[in-house]
Amino acid sequence: MADHFFTTFDSLYQHYFNRSARFVRSYLHDAQAAEDIASECLIKLWEKMKTAELNDVRSYLFVTLKNRALDYLKREKLRHAAVKDMSERLNRELELRISTLASLDPQDIFSADVRRIIEKTLEELPEKTRAVFLMSRFGGQNYKEIAADLGISVKGVDYHISKAMSAFKASLGDYLSFLPLYFYFYH
């Protein structure tokens, strides 16, 4: 049977599916994705055959399979790069937390100066910002619960927490890592 004389999609599918899937799988190393791409390309070929005269069905199918496999591999490469980037950022953050915790000095944590800075910053926060911050840190409430209790949106809660953290970052500087310990030991 000549390639361009397929009378039904089923006959086209049966003739080309297995070899198309094998070809794509040899590059993707993912059987399910290869089968999906092979099926999509065969559908595309069938649609093309209904609207245009194809001189070389196999060449058209090959180019379609190749291009879809290339697109898939490029997306996979981007996905792997993003995962690697997130992993590297997580590792940097973990290293920072490890070094910060390792360098904590009990004398600094419990110093009257640090406590005064924290308490002064808390007092200077706007009333609602202070309430949201304290409910989050001391009350153990999540943003949704705080929003319901105070009659504000979850975004509003996020805004107040960010505002409080900015104030603490500005007032504590290098001592910002002591903030959680302060709340743990003094409240």
N, C-alpha and C. Protein backbone atom coordinates (compact mmCIF):
# COMPACT_ATOMS: atom_id res chain seq x y z
N MET A 1 0.86 -1.18 0.00
CA MET A 1 0.00 0.00 0.00
C MET A 1 0.90 1.23 0.00
N ALA A 2 0.70 2.14 -0.89
CA ALA A 2 1.48 3.38 -0.95
C ALA A 2 1.08 4.28 0.21
N ASP A 3 2.03 5.06 0.69
CA ASP A 3 1.81 5.88 1.87
C ASP A 3 0.65 6.86 1.74
N HIS A 4 0.45 7.40 0.59
CA HIS A 4 -0.56 8.44 0.46
C HIS A 4 -1.95 7.89 0.12
N PHE A 5 -2.15 6.57 0.21
CA PHE A 5 -3.45 6.00 -0.09
C PHE A 5 -4.16 5.46 1.15
N PHE A 6 -3.91 6.01 2.29
CA PHE A 6 -4.61 5.59 3.49
C PHE A 6 -6.04 6.09 3.40
N THR A 7 -7.01 5.20 3.60
CA THR A 7 -8.41 5.60 3.47
C THR A 7 -9.05 5.91 4.82
N THR A 8 -8.45 5.43 5.90
CA THR A 8 -8.99 5.73 7.23
C THR A 8 -7.84 6.13 8.15
N PHE A 9 -8.23 6.85 9.17
CA PHE A 9 -7.23 7.23 10.17
C PHE A 9 -6.68 5.98 10.85
N ASP A 10 -7.55 5.01 11.12
CA ASP A 10 -7.10 3.77 11.78
C ASP A 10 -5.99 3.09 10.99
N SER A 11 -6.14 3.04 9.67
CA SER A 11 -5.10 2.37 8.87
C SER A 11 -3.79 3.17 8.92
N LEU A 12 -3.89 4.48 8.88
CA LEU A 12 -2.69 5.32 9.00
C LEU A 12 -2.05 5.12 10.36
N TYR A 13 -2.86 5.11 11.40
CA TYR A 13 -2.38 4.97 12.78
C TYR A 13 -1.69 3.62 12.97
N GLN A 14 -2.34 2.56 12.52
CA GLN A 14 -1.76 1.22 12.67
C GLN A 14 -0.44 1.09 11.92
N HIS A 15 -0.36 1.74 10.78
CA HIS A 15 0.84 1.62 9.96
C HIS A 15 2.03 2.37 10.57
N TYR A 16 1.78 3.55 11.18
CA TYR A 16 2.89 4.41 11.60
C TYR A 16 3.07 4.59 13.11
N PHE A 17 2.08 4.22 13.90
CA PHE A 17 2.18 4.56 15.33
C PHE A 17 3.39 3.96 16.02
N ASN A 18 3.57 2.65 15.93
CA ASN A 18 4.66 2.00 16.68
C ASN A 18 6.03 2.53 16.30
N ARG A 19 6.29 2.65 15.02
CA ARG A 19 7.61 3.15 14.61
C ARG A 19 7.78 4.62 14.97
N SER A 20 6.69 5.41 14.93
CA SER A 20 6.77 6.83 15.32
C SER A 20 7.07 6.96 16.81
N ALA A 21 6.37 6.17 17.62
CA ALA A 21 6.59 6.21 19.07
C ALA A 21 8.01 5.75 19.41
N ARG A 22 8.49 4.69 18.75
CA ARG A 22 9.86 4.22 19.00
C ARG A 22 10.89 5.29 18.64
N PHE A 23 10.70 5.94 17.51
CA PHE A 23 11.62 6.99 17.09
C PHE A 23 11.67 8.11 18.13
N VAL A 24 10.52 8.59 18.54
CA VAL A 24 10.48 9.69 19.50
C VAL A 24 11.02 9.24 20.86
N ARG A 25 10.66 8.04 21.29
CA ARG A 25 11.12 7.52 22.59
C ARG A 25 12.64 7.40 22.63
N SER A 26 13.27 7.14 21.49
CA SER A 26 14.73 7.01 21.47
C SER A 26 15.42 8.32 21.84
N TYR A 27 14.73 9.42 21.69
CA TYR A 27 15.30 10.72 22.06
C TYR A 27 14.75 11.23 23.39
N LEU A 28 13.49 10.95 23.67
CA LEU A 28 12.87 11.48 24.89
C LEU A 28 13.16 10.63 26.13
N HIS A 29 13.32 9.33 25.94
CA HIS A 29 13.48 8.40 27.07
C HIS A 29 12.28 8.46 28.01
N ASP A 30 11.11 8.71 27.44
CA ASP A 30 9.86 8.78 28.19
C ASP A 30 8.78 8.17 27.30
N ALA A 31 8.39 6.93 27.62
CA ALA A 31 7.47 6.19 26.76
C ALA A 31 6.13 6.89 26.61
N GLN A 32 5.56 7.38 27.72
CA GLN A 32 4.25 8.02 27.65
C GLN A 32 4.28 9.29 26.81
N ALA A 33 5.29 10.11 27.02
CA ALA A 33 5.40 11.35 26.23
C ALA A 33 5.62 11.02 24.76
N ALA A 34 6.40 9.99 24.48
CA ALA A 34 6.66 9.59 23.10
C ALA A 34 5.37 9.13 22.42
N GLU A 35 4.57 8.35 23.13
CA GLU A 35 3.29 7.89 22.57
C GLU A 35 2.34 9.05 22.34
N ASP A 36 2.32 9.98 23.27
CA ASP A 36 1.46 11.16 23.11
C ASP A 36 1.87 11.97 21.88
N ILE A 37 3.16 12.19 21.74
CA ILE A 37 3.66 12.96 20.59
C ILE A 37 3.37 12.22 19.29
N ALA A 38 3.59 10.91 19.28
CA ALA A 38 3.31 10.13 18.07
C ALA A 38 1.84 10.24 17.70
N SER A 39 0.96 10.12 18.66
CA SER A 39 -0.48 10.23 18.39
C SER A 39 -0.84 11.62 17.87
N GLU A 40 -0.32 12.65 18.53
CA GLU A 40 -0.61 14.03 18.09
C GLU A 40 -0.11 14.26 16.66
N CYS A 41 1.06 13.77 16.36
CA CYS A 41 1.62 13.97 15.01
C CYS A 41 0.84 13.20 13.95
N LEU A 42 0.36 12.03 14.30
CA LEU A 42 -0.45 11.27 13.34
C LEU A 42 -1.79 11.96 13.09
N ILE A 43 -2.36 12.54 14.12
CA ILE A 43 -3.60 13.32 13.94
C ILE A 43 -3.33 14.52 13.04
N LYS A 44 -2.22 15.19 13.30
CA LYS A 44 -1.85 16.35 12.47
C LYS A 44 -1.64 15.92 11.01
N LEU A 45 -0.98 14.80 10.81
CA LEU A 45 -0.76 14.28 9.46
C LEU A 45 -2.09 13.99 8.78
N TRP A 46 -2.98 13.32 9.49
CA TRP A 46 -4.29 12.98 8.92
C TRP A 46 -5.05 14.25 8.51
N GLU A 47 -5.04 15.26 9.41
CA GLU A 47 -5.71 16.52 9.09
C GLU A 47 -5.08 17.17 7.86
N LYS A 48 -3.78 17.12 7.76
CA LYS A 48 -3.07 17.70 6.61
C LYS A 48 -3.43 16.94 5.33
N MET A 49 -3.52 15.63 5.43
CA MET A 49 -3.85 14.82 4.27
C MET A 49 -5.26 15.10 3.76
N LYS A 50 -6.15 15.53 4.64
CA LYS A 50 -7.53 15.83 4.22
C LYS A 50 -7.60 17.15 3.47
N THR A 51 -6.62 18.04 3.67
CA THR A 51 -6.69 19.37 3.06
C THR A 51 -5.64 19.62 1.98
N ALA A 52 -4.64 18.78 1.91
CA ALA A 52 -3.57 19.02 0.93
C ALA A 52 -3.01 17.71 0.40
N GLU A 53 -2.50 17.76 -0.80
CA GLU A 53 -1.85 16.60 -1.41
C GLU A 53 -0.42 16.54 -0.90
N LEU A 54 -0.07 15.46 -0.22
CA LEU A 54 1.29 15.29 0.28
C LEU A 54 2.03 14.33 -0.63
N ASN A 55 3.17 14.77 -1.14
CA ASN A 55 3.96 13.90 -2.02
C ASN A 55 4.72 12.84 -1.23
N ASP A 56 5.11 13.20 0.01
CA ASP A 56 5.89 12.25 0.80
C ASP A 56 5.38 12.27 2.24
N VAL A 57 4.46 11.36 2.52
CA VAL A 57 3.83 11.27 3.84
C VAL A 57 4.87 11.00 4.91
N ARG A 58 5.80 10.08 4.64
CA ARG A 58 6.82 9.73 5.64
C ARG A 58 7.69 10.93 6.00
N SER A 59 8.08 11.72 5.02
CA SER A 59 8.91 12.90 5.30
C SER A 59 8.14 13.92 6.14
N TYR A 60 6.90 14.13 5.79
CA TYR A 60 6.07 15.07 6.56
C TYR A 60 5.95 14.59 8.01
N LEU A 61 5.66 13.29 8.17
CA LEU A 61 5.53 12.73 9.52
C LEU A 61 6.85 12.84 10.28
N PHE A 62 7.95 12.52 9.63
CA PHE A 62 9.26 12.59 10.28
C PHE A 62 9.55 14.01 10.77
N VAL A 63 9.34 15.00 9.92
CA VAL A 63 9.62 16.39 10.30
C VAL A 63 8.71 16.80 11.47
N THR A 64 7.46 16.40 11.42
CA THR A 64 6.52 16.73 12.50
C THR A 64 6.96 16.07 13.81
N LEU A 65 7.31 14.80 13.75
CA LEU A 65 7.79 14.09 14.95
C LEU A 65 9.05 14.74 15.51
N LYS A 66 9.99 15.02 14.61
CA LYS A 66 11.26 15.63 15.02
C LYS A 66 11.02 16.97 15.71
N ASN A 67 10.18 17.81 15.11
CA ASN A 67 9.93 19.14 15.69
C ASN A 67 9.22 19.05 17.04
N ARG A 68 8.26 18.14 17.17
CA ARG A 68 7.57 17.99 18.46
C ARG A 68 8.51 17.45 19.52
N ALA A 69 9.36 16.51 19.15
CA ALA A 69 10.34 15.96 20.10
C ALA A 69 11.34 17.04 20.51
N LEU A 70 11.77 17.85 19.56
CA LEU A 70 12.69 18.95 19.89
C LEU A 70 12.03 19.94 20.86
N ASP A 71 10.78 20.30 20.61
CA ASP A 71 10.06 21.20 21.51
C ASP A 71 9.99 20.62 22.91
N TYR A 72 9.68 19.33 22.99
CA TYR A 72 9.58 18.66 24.28
C TYR A 72 10.93 18.70 25.02
N LEU A 73 12.00 18.37 24.30
CA LEU A 73 13.33 18.36 24.93
C LEU A 73 13.76 19.76 25.37
N LYS A 74 13.43 20.76 24.59
CA LYS A 74 13.77 22.14 24.97
C LYS A 74 13.01 22.55 26.23
N ARG A 75 11.72 22.17 26.31
CA ARG A 75 10.95 22.46 27.53
C ARG A 75 11.53 21.73 28.73
N GLU A 76 11.93 20.48 28.53
CA GLU A 76 12.55 19.71 29.61
C GLU A 76 13.85 20.36 30.08
N LYS A 77 14.62 20.83 29.13
CA LYS A 77 15.88 21.50 29.47
C LYS A 77 15.60 22.75 30.32
N LEU A 78 14.61 23.54 29.92
CA LEU A 78 14.24 24.73 30.70
C LEU A 78 13.73 24.34 32.09
N ARG A 79 12.92 23.29 32.15
CA ARG A 79 12.39 22.83 33.44
C ARG A 79 13.52 22.38 34.36
N HIS A 80 14.47 21.63 33.81
CA HIS A 80 15.60 21.17 34.62
C HIS A 80 16.45 22.36 35.10
N ALA A 81 16.62 23.34 34.23
CA ALA A 81 17.39 24.53 34.63
C ALA A 81 16.67 25.27 35.76
N ALA A 82 15.36 25.36 35.68
CA ALA A 82 14.59 26.04 36.73
C ALA A 82 14.68 25.27 38.05
N VAL A 83 14.58 23.95 37.97
CA VAL A 83 14.70 23.13 39.18
C VAL A 83 16.08 23.29 39.79
N LYS A 84 17.11 23.29 38.94
CA LYS A 84 18.48 23.46 39.42
C LYS A 84 18.65 24.82 40.09
N ASP A 85 18.10 25.85 39.47
CA ASP A 85 18.18 27.21 40.02
C ASP A 85 17.49 27.28 41.38
N MET A 86 16.29 26.68 41.48
CA MET A 86 15.58 26.68 42.76
C MET A 86 16.36 25.91 43.81
N SER A 87 16.96 24.81 43.41
CA SER A 87 17.75 24.01 44.33
C SER A 87 18.97 24.79 44.83
N GLU A 88 19.62 25.50 43.91
CA GLU A 88 20.79 26.31 44.31
C GLU A 88 20.37 27.42 45.27
N ARG A 89 19.21 28.06 44.98
CA ARG A 89 18.73 29.12 45.88
C ARG A 89 18.39 28.54 47.26
N LEU A 90 17.76 27.39 47.27
CA LEU A 90 17.42 26.74 48.54
C LEU A 90 18.69 26.40 49.31
N ASN A 91 19.71 25.90 48.61
CA ASN A 91 20.97 25.58 49.28
C ASN A 91 21.63 26.82 49.86
N ARG A 92 21.59 27.94 49.09
CA ARG A 92 22.17 29.19 49.62
C ARG A 92 21.41 29.65 50.86
N GLU A 93 20.08 29.54 50.80
CA GLU A 93 19.27 29.95 51.96
C GLU A 93 19.57 29.05 53.16
N LEU A 94 19.70 27.76 52.92
CA LEU A 94 20.02 26.84 54.01
C LEU A 94 21.40 27.15 54.60
N GLU A 95 22.36 27.43 53.74
CA GLU A 95 23.70 27.80 54.22
C GLU A 95 23.63 29.06 55.08
N LEU A 96 22.84 30.02 54.64
CA LEU A 96 22.69 31.25 55.41
C LEU A 96 22.06 30.97 56.77
N ARG A 97 21.01 30.14 56.78
CA ARG A 97 20.37 29.81 58.05
C ARG A 97 21.32 29.04 58.96
N ILE A 98 22.09 28.13 58.39
CA ILE A 98 23.05 27.36 59.18
C ILE A 98 24.10 28.28 59.78
N SER A 99 24.65 29.15 58.94
CA SER A 99 25.71 30.04 59.45
C SER A 99 25.15 31.05 60.45
N THR A 100 23.93 31.51 60.23
CA THR A 100 23.32 32.45 61.17
C THR A 100 23.09 31.78 62.51
N LEU A 101 22.52 30.59 62.47
CA LEU A 101 22.25 29.88 63.72
C LEU A 101 23.55 29.50 64.43
N ALA A 102 24.54 29.07 63.66
CA ALA A 102 25.82 28.68 64.26
C ALA A 102 26.52 29.87 64.93
N SER A 103 26.30 31.05 64.37
CA SER A 103 27.00 32.23 64.91
C SER A 103 26.23 32.93 66.03
N LEU A 104 25.04 32.44 66.36
CA LEU A 104 24.27 33.09 67.42
C LEU A 104 25.01 33.00 68.76
N ASP A 105 25.11 34.10 69.41
CA ASP A 105 25.76 34.18 70.71
C ASP A 105 24.68 34.48 71.75
N PRO A 106 24.57 33.64 72.78
CA PRO A 106 23.54 33.87 73.79
C PRO A 106 23.61 35.27 74.40
N GLN A 107 24.80 35.80 74.50
CA GLN A 107 24.93 37.15 75.06
C GLN A 107 24.21 38.18 74.19
N ASP A 108 24.32 38.00 72.87
CA ASP A 108 23.64 38.92 71.95
C ASP A 108 22.13 38.73 71.99
N ILE A 109 21.70 37.48 72.01
CA ILE A 109 20.27 37.18 71.97
C ILE A 109 19.56 37.80 73.16
N PHE A 110 20.17 37.66 74.31
CA PHE A 110 19.51 38.11 75.52
C PHE A 110 19.95 39.50 75.95
N SER A 111 20.64 40.20 75.06
CA SER A 111 21.11 41.54 75.44
C SER A 111 19.93 42.50 75.58
N ALA A 112 20.06 43.37 76.53
CA ALA A 112 19.01 44.36 76.79
C ALA A 112 18.85 45.28 75.58
N ASP A 113 19.95 45.55 74.88
CA ASP A 113 19.87 46.44 73.71
C ASP A 113 18.98 45.85 72.62
N VAL A 114 19.17 44.57 72.33
CA VAL A 114 18.36 43.93 71.29
C VAL A 114 16.89 43.92 71.71
N ARG A 115 16.64 43.57 72.97
CA ARG A 115 15.25 43.57 73.46
C ARG A 115 14.63 44.95 73.34
N ARG A 116 15.38 45.99 73.69
CA ARG A 116 14.86 47.36 73.60
C ARG A 116 14.54 47.73 72.16
N ILE A 117 15.43 47.36 71.25
CA ILE A 117 15.19 47.67 69.83
C ILE A 117 13.90 46.99 69.34
N ILE A 118 13.75 45.73 69.70
CA ILE A 118 12.56 44.98 69.27
C ILE A 118 11.30 45.60 69.88
N GLU A 119 11.33 45.85 71.15
CA GLU A 119 10.15 46.41 71.82
C GLU A 119 9.82 47.81 71.31
N LYS A 120 10.84 48.62 71.05
CA LYS A 120 10.62 49.97 70.52
C LYS A 120 10.01 49.88 69.11
N THR A 121 10.53 48.99 68.31
CA THR A 121 10.00 48.82 66.96
C THR A 121 8.55 48.36 67.01
N LEU A 122 8.24 47.42 67.90
CA LEU A 122 6.86 46.97 68.06
C LEU A 122 5.94 48.13 68.44
N GLU A 123 6.39 48.96 69.39
CA GLU A 123 5.59 50.10 69.83
C GLU A 123 5.36 51.11 68.71
N GLU A 124 6.34 51.26 67.82
CA GLU A 124 6.24 52.25 66.75
C GLU A 124 5.42 51.78 65.56
N LEU A 125 5.12 50.50 65.51
CA LEU A 125 4.30 49.99 64.41
C LEU A 125 2.88 50.55 64.51
N PRO A 126 2.25 50.83 63.38
CA PRO A 126 0.84 51.23 63.43
C PRO A 126 0.04 50.14 64.14
N GLU A 127 -1.04 50.53 64.77
CA GLU A 127 -1.81 49.62 65.63
C GLU A 127 -2.23 48.33 64.90
N LYS A 128 -2.78 48.47 63.70
CA LYS A 128 -3.25 47.29 62.97
C LYS A 128 -2.07 46.41 62.55
N THR A 129 -0.97 47.03 62.13
CA THR A 129 0.21 46.27 61.73
C THR A 129 0.74 45.49 62.92
N ARG A 130 0.81 46.13 64.08
CA ARG A 130 1.28 45.46 65.29
C ARG A 130 0.35 44.30 65.64
N ALA A 131 -0.97 44.53 65.56
CA ALA A 131 -1.94 43.48 65.90
C ALA A 131 -1.78 42.28 64.97
N VAL A 132 -1.67 42.53 63.68
CA VAL A 132 -1.51 41.45 62.71
C VAL A 132 -0.22 40.69 62.98
N PHE A 133 0.86 41.42 63.21
CA PHE A 133 2.15 40.79 63.45
C PHE A 133 2.11 39.92 64.71
N LEU A 134 1.56 40.44 65.78
CA LEU A 134 1.51 39.69 67.03
C LEU A 134 0.60 38.47 66.93
N MET A 135 -0.52 38.61 66.20
CA MET A 135 -1.42 37.46 66.01
C MET A 135 -0.70 36.35 65.23
N SER A 136 0.11 36.78 64.28
CA SER A 136 0.84 35.81 63.47
C SER A 136 1.95 35.15 64.28
N ARG A 137 2.73 35.94 65.01
CA ARG A 137 3.90 35.42 65.72
C ARG A 137 3.54 34.77 67.06
N PHE A 138 2.63 35.36 67.81
CA PHE A 138 2.31 34.84 69.15
C PHE A 138 1.06 33.98 69.15
N GLY A 139 0.10 34.38 68.35
CA GLY A 139 -1.17 33.66 68.33
C GLY A 139 -1.11 32.40 67.49
N GLY A 140 -0.06 32.29 66.67
CA GLY A 140 0.07 31.12 65.83
C GLY A 140 -1.02 31.02 64.78
N GLN A 141 -1.65 32.14 64.47
CA GLN A 141 -2.74 32.13 63.50
C GLN A 141 -2.18 32.26 62.08
N ASN A 142 -2.85 31.64 61.15
CA ASN A 142 -2.45 31.80 59.76
C ASN A 142 -3.11 33.05 59.20
N TYR A 143 -2.71 33.44 58.00
CA TYR A 143 -3.18 34.68 57.40
C TYR A 143 -4.70 34.71 57.26
N LYS A 144 -5.28 33.58 56.89
CA LYS A 144 -6.73 33.51 56.69
C LYS A 144 -7.47 33.74 58.01
N GLU A 145 -6.98 33.15 59.08
CA GLU A 145 -7.61 33.33 60.39
C GLU A 145 -7.49 34.77 60.87
N ILE A 146 -6.32 35.36 60.68
CA ILE A 146 -6.11 36.75 61.08
C ILE A 146 -7.04 37.66 60.29
N ALA A 147 -7.13 37.43 58.99
CA ALA A 147 -8.00 38.24 58.13
C ALA A 147 -9.44 38.17 58.62
N ALA A 148 -9.90 36.97 58.97
CA ALA A 148 -11.27 36.81 59.46
C ALA A 148 -11.47 37.52 60.78
N ASP A 149 -10.51 37.39 61.69
CA ASP A 149 -10.63 38.03 63.01
C ASP A 149 -10.64 39.56 62.92
N LEU A 150 -9.85 40.10 62.00
CA LEU A 150 -9.73 41.56 61.92
C LEU A 150 -10.61 42.18 60.83
N GLY A 151 -11.29 41.34 60.07
CA GLY A 151 -12.16 41.86 59.01
C GLY A 151 -11.40 42.53 57.88
N ILE A 152 -10.24 41.97 57.55
CA ILE A 152 -9.45 42.48 56.42
C ILE A 152 -9.16 41.33 55.47
N SER A 153 -8.62 41.64 54.30
CA SER A 153 -8.32 40.59 53.33
C SER A 153 -7.01 39.89 53.69
N VAL A 154 -6.82 38.73 53.11
CA VAL A 154 -5.57 37.99 53.30
C VAL A 154 -4.41 38.81 52.75
N LYS A 155 -4.65 39.52 51.63
CA LYS A 155 -3.61 40.40 51.09
C LYS A 155 -3.29 41.51 52.08
N GLY A 156 -4.30 41.98 52.79
CA GLY A 156 -4.08 43.01 53.81
C GLY A 156 -3.19 42.48 54.92
N VAL A 157 -3.41 41.24 55.32
CA VAL A 157 -2.58 40.61 56.35
C VAL A 157 -1.14 40.53 55.85
N ASP A 158 -0.98 40.08 54.62
CA ASP A 158 0.35 39.98 54.02
C ASP A 158 1.03 41.35 54.00
N TYR A 159 0.28 42.37 53.65
CA TYR A 159 0.82 43.74 53.62
C TYR A 159 1.33 44.14 55.01
N HIS A 160 0.53 43.90 56.05
CA HIS A 160 0.93 44.29 57.41
C HIS A 160 2.14 43.50 57.91
N ILE A 161 2.20 42.21 57.59
CA ILE A 161 3.35 41.40 57.98
C ILE A 161 4.61 41.92 57.28
N SER A 162 4.49 42.20 55.99
CA SER A 162 5.64 42.74 55.23
C SER A 162 6.08 44.09 55.80
N LYS A 163 5.11 44.91 56.15
CA LYS A 163 5.41 46.23 56.72
C LYS A 163 6.15 46.08 58.06
N ALA A 164 5.68 45.16 58.90
CA ALA A 164 6.33 44.93 60.19
C ALA A 164 7.75 44.38 59.99
N MET A 165 7.90 43.42 59.09
CA MET A 165 9.22 42.84 58.85
C MET A 165 10.19 43.88 58.30
N SER A 166 9.70 44.78 57.45
CA SER A 166 10.56 45.86 56.93
C SER A 166 11.02 46.76 58.07
N ALA A 167 10.11 47.05 58.99
CA ALA A 167 10.47 47.90 60.14
C ALA A 167 11.51 47.19 61.01
N PHE A 168 11.32 45.90 61.24
CA PHE A 168 12.30 45.17 62.05
C PHE A 168 13.64 45.05 61.34
N LYS A 169 13.61 44.84 60.03
CA LYS A 169 14.85 44.75 59.27
C LYS A 169 15.62 46.07 59.37
N ALA A 170 14.90 47.17 59.27
CA ALA A 170 15.54 48.49 59.36
C ALA A 170 16.09 48.75 60.75
N SER A 171 15.35 48.37 61.78
CA SER A 171 15.80 48.69 63.14
C SER A 171 16.83 47.70 63.68
N LEU A 172 16.74 46.43 63.28
CA LEU A 172 17.64 45.42 63.84
C LEU A 172 18.90 45.21 63.01
N GLY A 173 18.82 45.47 61.71
CA GLY A 173 20.00 45.27 60.86
C GLY A 173 20.52 43.86 60.98
N ASP A 174 21.78 43.72 61.42
CA ASP A 174 22.42 42.41 61.53
C ASP A 174 21.78 41.52 62.61
N TYR A 175 21.00 42.10 63.49
CA TYR A 175 20.36 41.33 64.56
C TYR A 175 18.99 40.79 64.17
N LEU A 176 18.59 40.93 62.91
CA LEU A 176 17.27 40.48 62.47
C LEU A 176 17.05 38.99 62.77
N SER A 177 18.11 38.20 62.68
CA SER A 177 17.97 36.77 62.94
C SER A 177 17.59 36.48 64.40
N PHE A 178 17.72 37.46 65.27
CA PHE A 178 17.35 37.27 66.68
C PHE A 178 15.86 37.43 66.92
N LEU A 179 15.15 38.00 65.96
CA LEU A 179 13.73 38.27 66.13
C LEU A 179 12.93 37.02 66.52
N PRO A 180 13.04 35.89 65.80
CA PRO A 180 12.27 34.71 66.22
C PRO A 180 12.63 34.24 67.63
N LEU A 181 13.90 34.34 67.96
CA LEU A 181 14.33 33.91 69.30
C LEU A 181 13.75 34.81 70.38
N TYR A 182 13.68 36.09 70.09
CA TYR A 182 13.11 37.04 71.05
C TYR A 182 11.67 36.62 71.36
N PHE A 183 10.90 36.35 70.33
CA PHE A 183 9.49 35.99 70.53
C PHE A 183 9.39 34.63 71.21
N TYR A 184 10.32 33.75 70.95
CA TYR A 184 10.29 32.45 71.58
C TYR A 184 10.58 32.57 73.09
N PHE A 185 11.58 33.36 73.45
CA PHE A 185 12.00 33.41 74.84
C PHE A 185 11.27 34.47 75.68
N TYR A 186 10.73 35.49 75.04
CA TYR A 186 10.17 36.59 75.83
C TYR A 186 8.66 36.73 75.73
N HIS A 187 8.00 35.91 75.00
CA HIS A 187 6.52 36.04 74.93
C HIS A 187 5.87 34.70 75.02
